[in-house]
Structure formats: C-alpha cells, structure tokens
N, C-alpha and C. Protein backbone atom coordinates (compact mmCIF):
# COMPACT_ATOMS: atom_id res chain seq x y z
N MET A 1 0.84 -1.20 0.00
CA MET A 1 0.00 0.00 0.00
C MET A 1 0.87 1.25 0.00
N ARG A 2 0.50 2.20 -0.83
CA ARG A 2 1.17 3.50 -0.84
C ARG A 2 0.12 4.59 -0.92
N TYR A 3 0.01 5.35 0.16
CA TYR A 3 -0.99 6.40 0.21
C TYR A 3 -0.61 7.57 -0.69
N GLY A 4 -1.63 8.18 -1.26
CA GLY A 4 -1.42 9.37 -2.08
C GLY A 4 -2.66 10.23 -2.09
N MET A 5 -2.55 11.40 -2.70
CA MET A 5 -3.67 12.32 -2.77
C MET A 5 -3.81 12.84 -4.20
N LEU A 6 -5.04 13.02 -4.59
CA LEU A 6 -5.37 13.60 -5.88
C LEU A 6 -6.12 14.90 -5.64
N ILE A 7 -5.68 15.98 -6.30
CA ILE A 7 -6.33 17.28 -6.16
C ILE A 7 -6.84 17.71 -7.53
N ASP A 8 -8.13 17.93 -7.62
CA ASP A 8 -8.76 18.34 -8.88
C ASP A 8 -8.81 19.86 -8.93
N LEU A 9 -7.90 20.45 -9.68
CA LEU A 9 -7.82 21.90 -9.75
C LEU A 9 -9.01 22.53 -10.46
N ARG A 10 -9.77 21.73 -11.19
CA ARG A 10 -10.97 22.24 -11.85
C ARG A 10 -12.05 22.58 -10.83
N LYS A 11 -11.97 21.93 -9.67
CA LYS A 11 -12.98 22.14 -8.63
C LYS A 11 -12.54 23.13 -7.55
N CYS A 12 -11.22 23.29 -7.38
CA CYS A 12 -10.71 24.14 -6.30
C CYS A 12 -11.13 25.59 -6.51
N VAL A 13 -11.73 26.19 -5.47
CA VAL A 13 -12.19 27.57 -5.55
C VAL A 13 -11.31 28.51 -4.72
N GLY A 14 -10.22 27.99 -4.19
CA GLY A 14 -9.29 28.84 -3.44
C GLY A 14 -9.82 29.37 -2.13
N CYS A 15 -10.76 28.65 -1.52
CA CYS A 15 -11.40 29.15 -0.30
C CYS A 15 -10.48 29.10 0.92
N GLY A 16 -9.48 28.22 0.88
CA GLY A 16 -8.56 28.10 2.01
C GLY A 16 -9.07 27.25 3.16
N ALA A 17 -10.21 26.58 2.98
CA ALA A 17 -10.75 25.74 4.05
C ALA A 17 -9.77 24.62 4.42
N CYS A 18 -9.05 24.11 3.43
CA CYS A 18 -8.08 23.04 3.69
C CYS A 18 -6.96 23.54 4.60
N SER A 19 -6.53 24.77 4.38
CA SER A 19 -5.47 25.35 5.20
C SER A 19 -5.93 25.54 6.64
N VAL A 20 -7.16 26.02 6.81
CA VAL A 20 -7.71 26.24 8.15
C VAL A 20 -7.90 24.90 8.87
N ALA A 21 -8.42 23.90 8.15
CA ALA A 21 -8.62 22.58 8.75
C ALA A 21 -7.30 21.97 9.18
N CYS A 22 -6.27 22.19 8.37
CA CYS A 22 -4.94 21.67 8.68
C CYS A 22 -4.40 22.34 9.94
N ARG A 23 -4.57 23.65 10.04
CA ARG A 23 -4.10 24.36 11.24
C ARG A 23 -4.83 23.87 12.49
N ALA A 24 -6.13 23.66 12.34
CA ALA A 24 -6.92 23.20 13.48
C ALA A 24 -6.52 21.79 13.89
N GLN A 25 -6.28 20.93 12.92
CA GLN A 25 -5.90 19.55 13.21
C GLN A 25 -4.55 19.47 13.91
N ASN A 26 -3.60 20.24 13.40
CA ASN A 26 -2.23 20.14 13.90
C ASN A 26 -1.88 21.17 14.96
N GLY A 27 -2.70 22.20 15.10
CA GLY A 27 -2.42 23.23 16.09
C GLY A 27 -1.11 23.94 15.83
N THR A 28 -0.83 24.20 14.56
CA THR A 28 0.45 24.81 14.20
C THR A 28 0.60 26.21 14.81
N PRO A 29 1.79 26.54 15.27
CA PRO A 29 2.03 27.89 15.80
C PRO A 29 1.87 28.94 14.71
N ALA A 30 1.69 30.18 15.09
CA ALA A 30 1.56 31.27 14.14
C ALA A 30 2.79 31.30 13.24
N GLY A 31 2.55 31.46 11.95
CA GLY A 31 3.64 31.51 10.98
C GLY A 31 3.99 30.17 10.38
N ILE A 32 3.39 29.09 10.89
CA ILE A 32 3.65 27.75 10.36
C ILE A 32 2.37 27.23 9.70
N SER A 33 2.49 26.79 8.46
CA SER A 33 1.35 26.23 7.75
C SER A 33 1.81 25.05 6.90
N PHE A 34 1.19 23.90 7.10
CA PHE A 34 1.56 22.70 6.34
C PHE A 34 0.86 22.64 4.98
N ASN A 35 -0.21 23.41 4.84
CA ASN A 35 -1.07 23.28 3.67
C ASN A 35 -1.37 24.67 3.13
N ASN A 36 -0.68 25.07 2.09
CA ASN A 36 -0.86 26.41 1.54
C ASN A 36 -1.56 26.37 0.19
N VAL A 37 -2.36 27.39 -0.06
CA VAL A 37 -3.03 27.50 -1.36
C VAL A 37 -2.44 28.71 -2.08
N ARG A 38 -1.64 28.43 -3.07
CA ARG A 38 -1.01 29.51 -3.84
C ARG A 38 -2.00 30.03 -4.89
N LYS A 39 -1.98 31.33 -5.10
CA LYS A 39 -2.88 31.90 -6.11
C LYS A 39 -2.07 32.62 -7.17
N PHE A 40 -2.56 32.56 -8.39
CA PHE A 40 -1.88 33.22 -9.49
C PHE A 40 -2.89 33.57 -10.58
N GLU A 41 -2.50 34.48 -11.41
CA GLU A 41 -3.38 34.96 -12.48
C GLU A 41 -2.94 34.35 -13.81
N VAL A 42 -3.91 33.90 -14.59
CA VAL A 42 -3.61 33.36 -15.92
C VAL A 42 -4.36 34.17 -16.97
N GLY A 43 -3.82 34.20 -18.17
CA GLY A 43 -4.44 34.96 -19.24
C GLY A 43 -4.08 36.43 -19.17
N GLN A 44 -4.67 37.20 -20.06
CA GLN A 44 -4.41 38.63 -20.11
C GLN A 44 -5.71 39.41 -20.03
N PHE A 45 -5.63 40.57 -19.44
CA PHE A 45 -6.81 41.45 -19.34
C PHE A 45 -7.36 41.70 -20.74
N PRO A 46 -8.66 41.64 -20.96
CA PRO A 46 -9.72 41.57 -19.94
C PRO A 46 -10.25 40.16 -19.69
N THR A 47 -9.56 39.15 -20.16
CA THR A 47 -10.05 37.78 -20.00
C THR A 47 -9.23 36.98 -18.99
N SER A 48 -8.40 37.67 -18.21
CA SER A 48 -7.60 36.97 -17.21
C SER A 48 -8.48 36.45 -16.08
N LYS A 49 -7.99 35.45 -15.37
CA LYS A 49 -8.73 34.90 -14.23
C LYS A 49 -7.77 34.34 -13.21
N MET A 50 -8.27 34.13 -12.01
CA MET A 50 -7.46 33.61 -10.92
C MET A 50 -7.48 32.09 -10.92
N LYS A 51 -6.35 31.50 -10.57
CA LYS A 51 -6.24 30.06 -10.39
C LYS A 51 -5.61 29.81 -9.03
N TRP A 52 -5.84 28.61 -8.51
CA TRP A 52 -5.31 28.26 -7.19
C TRP A 52 -4.58 26.93 -7.26
N LEU A 53 -3.52 26.82 -6.47
CA LEU A 53 -2.72 25.59 -6.45
C LEU A 53 -2.45 25.20 -4.99
N PRO A 54 -3.24 24.27 -4.45
CA PRO A 54 -2.98 23.78 -3.09
C PRO A 54 -1.66 23.02 -3.05
N MET A 55 -0.81 23.35 -2.08
CA MET A 55 0.52 22.74 -1.98
C MET A 55 0.79 22.30 -0.54
N SER A 56 1.33 21.10 -0.42
CA SER A 56 1.79 20.61 0.88
C SER A 56 2.93 19.64 0.60
N CYS A 57 3.31 18.84 1.57
CA CYS A 57 4.33 17.82 1.33
C CYS A 57 3.83 16.85 0.27
N MET A 58 4.70 16.47 -0.65
CA MET A 58 4.32 15.57 -1.74
C MET A 58 4.55 14.09 -1.41
N HIS A 59 5.14 13.80 -0.26
CA HIS A 59 5.38 12.42 0.19
C HIS A 59 5.99 11.59 -0.93
N CYS A 60 7.14 12.06 -1.37
CA CYS A 60 7.82 11.48 -2.53
C CYS A 60 8.38 10.08 -2.24
N GLU A 61 8.28 9.21 -3.25
CA GLU A 61 8.95 7.90 -3.16
C GLU A 61 10.47 8.09 -3.18
N ASN A 62 10.91 9.01 -4.02
CA ASN A 62 12.33 9.31 -4.15
C ASN A 62 12.59 10.67 -3.50
N ALA A 63 12.41 10.72 -2.19
CA ALA A 63 12.39 11.99 -1.47
C ALA A 63 13.80 12.55 -1.25
N PRO A 64 14.09 13.74 -1.81
CA PRO A 64 15.40 14.36 -1.59
C PRO A 64 15.67 14.66 -0.12
N CYS A 65 14.62 15.02 0.62
CA CYS A 65 14.77 15.36 2.03
C CYS A 65 15.24 14.18 2.85
N LEU A 66 14.74 13.00 2.50
CA LEU A 66 15.11 11.79 3.23
C LEU A 66 16.58 11.45 2.98
N LYS A 67 17.00 11.62 1.74
CA LYS A 67 18.38 11.28 1.37
C LYS A 67 19.40 12.19 2.05
N ILE A 68 19.05 13.47 2.20
CA ILE A 68 20.03 14.43 2.69
C ILE A 68 20.06 14.55 4.21
N CYS A 69 19.03 14.07 4.89
CA CYS A 69 18.97 14.21 6.35
C CYS A 69 20.14 13.47 6.98
N PRO A 70 21.01 14.17 7.70
CA PRO A 70 22.21 13.53 8.25
C PRO A 70 21.98 12.78 9.55
N ASN A 71 20.79 12.92 10.11
CA ASN A 71 20.56 12.38 11.45
C ASN A 71 19.48 11.30 11.49
N GLY A 72 18.95 10.92 10.33
CA GLY A 72 17.90 9.91 10.31
C GLY A 72 16.58 10.40 10.87
N ALA A 73 16.37 11.72 10.87
CA ALA A 73 15.13 12.27 11.43
C ALA A 73 13.97 12.15 10.44
N THR A 74 14.27 12.12 9.16
CA THR A 74 13.24 11.98 8.14
C THR A 74 13.10 10.52 7.77
N ASN A 75 11.87 10.04 7.78
CA ASN A 75 11.60 8.64 7.48
C ASN A 75 10.38 8.51 6.57
N ARG A 76 10.29 7.39 5.92
CA ARG A 76 9.14 7.09 5.05
C ARG A 76 8.60 5.74 5.51
N ASN A 77 7.34 5.71 5.97
CA ASN A 77 6.81 4.47 6.53
C ASN A 77 6.35 3.50 5.42
N GLU A 78 5.84 2.36 5.82
CA GLU A 78 5.45 1.31 4.88
C GLU A 78 4.32 1.75 3.95
N GLU A 79 3.59 2.77 4.36
CA GLU A 79 2.47 3.25 3.55
C GLU A 79 2.84 4.48 2.73
N GLY A 80 4.14 4.80 2.70
CA GLY A 80 4.62 5.89 1.86
C GLY A 80 4.52 7.28 2.45
N ILE A 81 4.18 7.37 3.73
CA ILE A 81 4.05 8.68 4.37
C ILE A 81 5.40 9.11 4.93
N VAL A 82 5.86 10.29 4.52
CA VAL A 82 7.14 10.82 4.98
C VAL A 82 6.91 11.63 6.26
N THR A 83 7.67 11.31 7.29
CA THR A 83 7.51 11.96 8.59
C THR A 83 8.84 12.51 9.09
N VAL A 84 8.78 13.34 10.12
CA VAL A 84 9.98 13.89 10.75
C VAL A 84 9.94 13.56 12.25
N ASP A 85 11.01 12.98 12.74
CA ASP A 85 11.14 12.68 14.16
C ASP A 85 11.81 13.88 14.83
N SER A 86 11.03 14.66 15.59
CA SER A 86 11.56 15.89 16.20
C SER A 86 12.65 15.61 17.22
N GLU A 87 12.66 14.40 17.79
CA GLU A 87 13.70 14.07 18.76
C GLU A 87 15.05 13.84 18.09
N LYS A 88 15.02 13.46 16.83
CA LYS A 88 16.27 13.24 16.09
C LYS A 88 16.68 14.47 15.28
N CYS A 89 15.72 15.32 14.95
CA CYS A 89 16.01 16.49 14.12
C CYS A 89 16.94 17.44 14.87
N MET A 90 18.06 17.79 14.25
CA MET A 90 19.02 18.69 14.89
C MET A 90 18.95 20.10 14.33
N GLY A 91 17.96 20.35 13.45
CA GLY A 91 17.72 21.70 12.97
C GLY A 91 18.71 22.22 11.96
N CYS A 92 19.38 21.34 11.21
CA CYS A 92 20.37 21.80 10.24
C CYS A 92 19.72 22.44 9.01
N ARG A 93 18.46 22.11 8.77
CA ARG A 93 17.66 22.67 7.67
C ARG A 93 18.12 22.24 6.27
N ALA A 94 18.90 21.19 6.20
CA ALA A 94 19.32 20.68 4.89
C ALA A 94 18.10 20.22 4.09
N CYS A 95 17.14 19.63 4.78
CA CYS A 95 15.93 19.15 4.11
C CYS A 95 15.08 20.30 3.59
N VAL A 96 15.06 21.41 4.33
CA VAL A 96 14.30 22.59 3.90
C VAL A 96 14.85 23.11 2.58
N LEU A 97 16.18 23.16 2.49
CA LEU A 97 16.82 23.65 1.28
C LEU A 97 16.68 22.68 0.12
N THR A 98 16.60 21.39 0.42
CA THR A 98 16.57 20.36 -0.62
C THR A 98 15.17 20.15 -1.19
N CYS A 99 14.14 20.37 -0.41
CA CYS A 99 12.77 20.11 -0.87
C CYS A 99 12.40 21.06 -2.02
N PRO A 100 12.11 20.53 -3.20
CA PRO A 100 11.78 21.39 -4.34
C PRO A 100 10.37 21.97 -4.27
N TYR A 101 9.59 21.54 -3.29
CA TYR A 101 8.20 21.99 -3.17
C TYR A 101 7.99 22.99 -2.03
N GLU A 102 9.07 23.34 -1.34
CA GLU A 102 9.00 24.27 -0.21
C GLU A 102 7.97 23.82 0.82
N ALA A 103 7.97 22.51 1.08
CA ALA A 103 6.95 21.93 1.96
C ALA A 103 7.36 21.89 3.42
N ARG A 104 8.65 22.11 3.69
CA ARG A 104 9.15 22.00 5.06
C ARG A 104 9.39 23.37 5.66
N GLN A 105 9.12 23.48 6.96
CA GLN A 105 9.29 24.74 7.65
C GLN A 105 10.07 24.55 8.95
N PHE A 106 10.87 25.54 9.25
CA PHE A 106 11.69 25.50 10.45
C PHE A 106 10.98 26.25 11.57
N VAL A 107 10.92 25.64 12.73
CA VAL A 107 10.26 26.26 13.89
C VAL A 107 11.28 27.15 14.60
N TRP A 108 11.28 28.42 14.22
CA TRP A 108 12.18 29.38 14.87
C TRP A 108 11.71 29.67 16.29
N ASP A 109 10.39 29.76 16.43
CA ASP A 109 9.81 30.04 17.75
C ASP A 109 8.39 29.51 17.75
N ILE A 110 7.83 29.30 18.91
CA ILE A 110 6.46 28.81 19.02
C ILE A 110 5.58 29.98 19.46
N ASN A 111 5.03 30.66 18.47
CA ASN A 111 4.23 31.86 18.72
C ASN A 111 2.74 31.55 18.70
N ASN A 112 2.01 32.31 19.49
CA ASN A 112 0.56 32.19 19.52
C ASN A 112 -0.06 33.17 18.53
N TYR A 113 -1.36 33.05 18.32
CA TYR A 113 -2.01 33.82 17.26
C TYR A 113 -2.49 35.19 17.70
N TYR A 114 -2.44 35.50 19.01
CA TYR A 114 -2.97 36.77 19.47
C TYR A 114 -1.84 37.70 19.90
N GLU A 115 -2.08 38.99 19.80
CA GLU A 115 -1.03 39.99 20.00
C GLU A 115 -0.40 39.93 21.39
N ASP A 116 -1.20 39.62 22.40
CA ASP A 116 -0.63 39.58 23.75
C ASP A 116 0.18 38.30 23.98
N ASN A 117 0.15 37.43 22.97
CA ASN A 117 0.93 36.19 22.96
C ASN A 117 0.57 35.23 24.11
N ASN A 118 -0.62 35.42 24.69
CA ASN A 118 -1.09 34.46 25.68
C ASN A 118 -1.71 33.28 24.95
N ALA A 119 -1.28 32.08 25.27
CA ALA A 119 -1.79 30.89 24.60
C ALA A 119 -3.22 30.60 25.01
N THR A 120 -4.03 30.22 24.03
CA THR A 120 -5.37 29.75 24.32
C THR A 120 -5.26 28.32 24.85
N PRO A 121 -6.30 27.78 25.49
CA PRO A 121 -6.24 26.39 25.96
C PRO A 121 -5.93 25.42 24.81
N PHE A 122 -6.46 25.71 23.62
CA PHE A 122 -6.19 24.87 22.45
C PHE A 122 -4.69 24.91 22.10
N GLU A 123 -4.12 26.11 22.10
CA GLU A 123 -2.71 26.24 21.78
C GLU A 123 -1.83 25.57 22.83
N GLU A 124 -2.21 25.69 24.08
CA GLU A 124 -1.44 25.05 25.15
C GLU A 124 -1.38 23.54 24.95
N LYS A 125 -2.49 22.98 24.49
CA LYS A 125 -2.55 21.53 24.28
C LYS A 125 -1.76 21.10 23.05
N LYS A 126 -1.90 21.87 21.97
CA LYS A 126 -1.30 21.47 20.69
C LYS A 126 0.18 21.82 20.57
N HIS A 127 0.60 22.92 21.16
CA HIS A 127 1.97 23.37 20.95
C HIS A 127 3.02 22.49 21.62
N VAL A 128 2.59 21.58 22.48
CA VAL A 128 3.55 20.64 23.07
C VAL A 128 4.10 19.69 22.01
N ASN A 129 3.42 19.62 20.86
CA ASN A 129 3.88 18.74 19.77
C ASN A 129 4.96 19.38 18.91
N PHE A 130 5.32 20.63 19.22
CA PHE A 130 6.32 21.34 18.43
C PHE A 130 7.55 21.64 19.28
N GLU A 131 8.70 21.57 18.64
CA GLU A 131 9.97 21.79 19.31
C GLU A 131 10.74 22.88 18.57
N LYS A 132 11.10 23.93 19.29
CA LYS A 132 11.91 24.99 18.66
C LYS A 132 13.20 24.40 18.10
N GLY A 133 13.58 24.91 16.92
CA GLY A 133 14.82 24.45 16.32
C GLY A 133 14.70 23.17 15.54
N THR A 134 13.46 22.77 15.20
CA THR A 134 13.25 21.56 14.41
C THR A 134 12.44 21.90 13.16
N VAL A 135 12.38 20.93 12.27
CA VAL A 135 11.63 21.08 11.02
C VAL A 135 10.31 20.34 11.12
N VAL A 136 9.25 20.94 10.56
CA VAL A 136 7.92 20.33 10.57
C VAL A 136 7.33 20.35 9.17
N LYS A 137 6.29 19.52 8.96
CA LYS A 137 5.67 19.41 7.65
C LYS A 137 4.37 18.63 7.75
N CYS A 138 3.63 18.60 6.65
CA CYS A 138 2.43 17.76 6.53
C CYS A 138 2.82 16.29 6.65
N VAL A 139 2.02 15.54 7.40
CA VAL A 139 2.25 14.09 7.53
C VAL A 139 1.01 13.31 7.08
N PHE A 140 0.23 13.91 6.17
CA PHE A 140 -0.98 13.24 5.64
C PHE A 140 -1.95 12.86 6.75
N CYS A 141 -1.93 13.60 7.86
CA CYS A 141 -2.81 13.29 9.01
C CYS A 141 -2.70 11.81 9.36
N VAL A 142 -1.48 11.33 9.54
CA VAL A 142 -1.24 9.91 9.75
C VAL A 142 -2.03 9.36 10.93
N ASP A 143 -2.24 10.15 11.98
CA ASP A 143 -3.02 9.67 13.13
C ASP A 143 -4.48 9.44 12.77
N ARG A 144 -5.05 10.36 12.00
CA ARG A 144 -6.44 10.20 11.56
C ARG A 144 -6.58 9.01 10.61
N VAL A 145 -5.66 8.91 9.67
CA VAL A 145 -5.70 7.84 8.67
C VAL A 145 -5.60 6.48 9.34
N SER A 146 -4.76 6.35 10.37
CA SER A 146 -4.58 5.08 11.07
C SER A 146 -5.86 4.65 11.79
N LYS A 147 -6.75 5.63 12.05
CA LYS A 147 -8.03 5.32 12.70
C LYS A 147 -9.16 5.16 11.69
N GLY A 148 -8.82 5.20 10.40
CA GLY A 148 -9.84 5.05 9.37
C GLY A 148 -10.57 6.33 9.05
N GLN A 149 -10.05 7.47 9.53
CA GLN A 149 -10.67 8.76 9.25
C GLN A 149 -10.02 9.42 8.04
N LYS A 150 -10.73 10.37 7.44
CA LYS A 150 -10.18 11.12 6.32
C LYS A 150 -9.18 12.15 6.84
N ASN A 151 -8.24 12.53 6.00
CA ASN A 151 -7.34 13.64 6.31
C ASN A 151 -8.20 14.87 6.58
N ALA A 152 -7.73 15.77 7.42
CA ALA A 152 -8.51 16.97 7.76
C ALA A 152 -8.83 17.80 6.53
N CYS A 153 -7.87 17.96 5.62
CA CYS A 153 -8.11 18.77 4.42
C CYS A 153 -9.12 18.12 3.50
N VAL A 154 -9.07 16.79 3.39
CA VAL A 154 -10.00 16.06 2.52
C VAL A 154 -11.42 16.14 3.09
N ALA A 155 -11.53 15.93 4.40
CA ALA A 155 -12.84 15.94 5.04
C ALA A 155 -13.51 17.31 4.98
N THR A 156 -12.69 18.37 4.94
CA THR A 156 -13.23 19.73 5.03
C THR A 156 -13.52 20.37 3.69
N CYS A 157 -12.83 19.97 2.64
CA CYS A 157 -12.96 20.63 1.34
C CYS A 157 -14.42 20.70 0.88
N PRO A 158 -14.99 21.91 0.73
CA PRO A 158 -16.40 22.02 0.35
C PRO A 158 -16.65 21.70 -1.12
N ALA A 159 -15.58 21.69 -1.92
CA ALA A 159 -15.73 21.41 -3.35
C ALA A 159 -15.41 19.96 -3.69
N ASP A 160 -15.08 19.16 -2.68
CA ASP A 160 -14.70 17.76 -2.89
C ASP A 160 -13.62 17.62 -3.96
N CYS A 161 -12.63 18.49 -3.90
CA CYS A 161 -11.58 18.42 -4.92
C CYS A 161 -10.41 17.54 -4.51
N ARG A 162 -10.47 16.96 -3.30
CA ARG A 162 -9.38 16.12 -2.81
C ARG A 162 -9.82 14.67 -2.61
N ILE A 163 -9.01 13.75 -3.12
CA ILE A 163 -9.26 12.32 -2.93
C ILE A 163 -7.99 11.71 -2.35
N PHE A 164 -8.14 10.89 -1.31
CA PHE A 164 -7.02 10.23 -0.66
C PHE A 164 -7.21 8.73 -0.75
N GLY A 165 -6.14 8.01 -1.03
CA GLY A 165 -6.29 6.56 -1.12
C GLY A 165 -5.00 5.85 -1.47
N ASP A 166 -5.16 4.58 -1.86
CA ASP A 166 -4.03 3.70 -2.14
C ASP A 166 -3.63 3.77 -3.61
N LEU A 167 -2.44 4.31 -3.85
CA LEU A 167 -1.94 4.43 -5.22
C LEU A 167 -1.53 3.08 -5.80
N ASP A 168 -1.23 2.11 -4.95
CA ASP A 168 -0.79 0.80 -5.42
C ASP A 168 -1.95 -0.08 -5.89
N SER A 169 -3.17 0.27 -5.50
CA SER A 169 -4.33 -0.52 -5.91
C SER A 169 -4.97 0.08 -7.16
N PRO A 170 -4.98 -0.64 -8.27
CA PRO A 170 -5.59 -0.10 -9.50
C PRO A 170 -7.10 0.07 -9.38
N ASP A 171 -7.70 -0.57 -8.37
CA ASP A 171 -9.15 -0.48 -8.20
C ASP A 171 -9.57 0.62 -7.24
N SER A 172 -8.62 1.28 -6.59
CA SER A 172 -8.97 2.35 -5.65
C SER A 172 -9.51 3.55 -6.42
N GLU A 173 -10.30 4.36 -5.74
CA GLU A 173 -10.89 5.54 -6.38
C GLU A 173 -9.81 6.47 -6.91
N ILE A 174 -8.77 6.67 -6.12
CA ILE A 174 -7.72 7.60 -6.53
C ILE A 174 -7.00 7.11 -7.78
N SER A 175 -6.71 5.80 -7.84
CA SER A 175 -6.02 5.25 -9.01
C SER A 175 -6.88 5.33 -10.26
N ARG A 176 -8.16 5.05 -10.10
CA ARG A 176 -9.07 5.12 -11.25
C ARG A 176 -9.19 6.54 -11.79
N LEU A 177 -9.27 7.52 -10.88
CA LEU A 177 -9.40 8.92 -11.31
C LEU A 177 -8.11 9.45 -11.94
N ILE A 178 -6.98 9.03 -11.41
CA ILE A 178 -5.70 9.43 -12.01
C ILE A 178 -5.60 8.92 -13.44
N ALA A 179 -5.97 7.65 -13.63
CA ALA A 179 -5.92 7.06 -14.97
C ALA A 179 -6.95 7.70 -15.90
N GLN A 180 -8.14 7.93 -15.38
CA GLN A 180 -9.23 8.47 -16.19
C GLN A 180 -8.94 9.88 -16.69
N HIS A 181 -8.33 10.70 -15.82
CA HIS A 181 -8.13 12.11 -16.16
C HIS A 181 -6.68 12.46 -16.53
N GLY A 182 -5.81 11.45 -16.53
CA GLY A 182 -4.42 11.72 -16.86
C GLY A 182 -3.75 12.66 -15.86
N ALA A 183 -4.09 12.49 -14.59
CA ALA A 183 -3.52 13.36 -13.55
C ALA A 183 -2.02 13.15 -13.45
N VAL A 184 -1.33 14.20 -13.10
CA VAL A 184 0.14 14.15 -13.02
C VAL A 184 0.62 14.80 -11.73
N PRO A 185 1.82 14.41 -11.27
CA PRO A 185 2.42 15.08 -10.11
C PRO A 185 2.89 16.48 -10.50
N PHE A 186 3.03 17.34 -9.51
CA PHE A 186 3.57 18.69 -9.74
C PHE A 186 5.08 18.57 -9.97
N ARG A 187 5.56 19.13 -11.05
CA ARG A 187 6.97 19.09 -11.43
C ARG A 187 7.49 17.66 -11.46
N GLY A 188 6.77 16.82 -12.18
CA GLY A 188 7.14 15.41 -12.29
C GLY A 188 8.50 15.19 -12.91
N GLU A 189 8.99 16.18 -13.66
CA GLU A 189 10.30 16.05 -14.31
C GLU A 189 11.45 15.97 -13.31
N LEU A 190 11.17 16.30 -12.04
CA LEU A 190 12.22 16.25 -11.03
C LEU A 190 12.57 14.83 -10.61
N GLY A 191 11.70 13.88 -10.94
CA GLY A 191 11.97 12.49 -10.63
C GLY A 191 11.81 12.11 -9.16
N THR A 192 11.04 12.89 -8.42
CA THR A 192 10.84 12.59 -7.00
C THR A 192 9.76 11.53 -6.76
N ASN A 193 9.01 11.20 -7.82
CA ASN A 193 7.89 10.26 -7.71
C ASN A 193 6.92 10.68 -6.60
N SER A 194 6.42 11.86 -6.76
CA SER A 194 5.49 12.43 -5.79
C SER A 194 4.25 11.58 -5.64
N SER A 195 3.70 11.56 -4.43
CA SER A 195 2.45 10.83 -4.16
C SER A 195 1.22 11.73 -4.23
N VAL A 196 1.42 12.98 -4.63
CA VAL A 196 0.30 13.91 -4.80
C VAL A 196 0.15 14.22 -6.29
N TYR A 197 -1.05 13.98 -6.80
CA TYR A 197 -1.34 14.18 -8.22
C TYR A 197 -2.35 15.30 -8.39
N TYR A 198 -2.31 15.91 -9.56
CA TYR A 198 -3.21 17.01 -9.87
C TYR A 198 -3.93 16.77 -11.20
N ILE A 199 -5.22 17.08 -11.20
CA ILE A 199 -5.97 17.19 -12.44
C ILE A 199 -5.98 18.66 -12.81
N GLY A 200 -5.46 19.00 -13.98
CA GLY A 200 -5.32 20.41 -14.38
C GLY A 200 -6.63 21.13 -14.46
N GLY A 201 -6.58 22.43 -14.15
CA GLY A 201 -7.79 23.25 -14.17
C GLY A 201 -7.88 24.10 -15.40
C-alpha cells in the first residue's frame, strides 16, 4: 500500500478551508502552515482569471529530504508517508533547502495567534507537539488515517476536490481517477515520484 492524494484543480475555488482545517488539526504555531493554497493569475486582461494551487508535502517515493537528512530524522513508513522525528532532528535545515516543493518549515519560535501572545487552551494543548529548532511538515494526518478517518483537508474541502487513497491498488478511487483524467504530479520532471497528483484546471 502506498498512500497518495489527488487534487482536482478544476474544482478548487481557493477558499482556504483546507489550510484552516490543517491548522486546526495540527495546532500549528503562528507563521507555520503545512497546507498552503497559492494563487496566481492566468491569461491577459480583460479575460484573465485567478487560479489556485494547493501545496503541501508531496510524500515522494524518491524523497530528496530523506536522502540528505544527516541524522535519520526523516523517514518514510510502509504506507509511503514521509515523517519527521523531532527528537532526532538537529535543525540543520538541509531538508528545507533540498525540498523542491518548499513543503518543510523550520520552527524558529512557538508563537501564539494573538497579540498579547497568551496561549489559548487549544494552543497550550497542541503546541507541546512542536519543538523549537526543528523542522515540521504535513504528515498526511497519519493519526487520523490510522483510525480510518479522512485527512482533515479532505474531510473539510467544500468542493470535494481532494481524494485520498491507495496508489498501489488499481481499483482504488484515486487510481481510477488518475488514470481516467491523466492526472500528473507537480513538477514530475524532477523524478521525486510524488504521491500527490493534480488534475489540471
């Protein structure tokens, strides 16, 4: 089994619900986001329009971050999910520089979302999962997935533009849709064998 995600850009409306759901699930400190929606303009005035590109960790089979990590902090489990062990991470940031998708972020400080910097009860509970001086990233909501639940971003998307499933099974919904629509990874020419596919918009 190899988990992957399919994002249908034809359906994405750039609402950012996936980013908010991700922050709520992971309790990321201010300034840290595992799931970003990039926006850009295509075409020329007066027929130009906005497009959106949701981006997170691509959980690559041939992950550059895993190869360069000098301390064994980056790992890829049996289901293809790339994770970071904060206890082993020494904060060298080699993986941040190596990731071609800008999916990894360094925790310079653990900041709260309000100006007085007083942590809410939610932040107090969630921020214990973060360590200053380490690297963090999307982990495909591995805890939710292990319980048979959908990833937070998939469950929340109001446009149903995200599908999560087993890339190794030709009968899975994600595999069928990839084949049907000719979905491709982002910057597939890099040879990372990304586990996130996109249907062009």
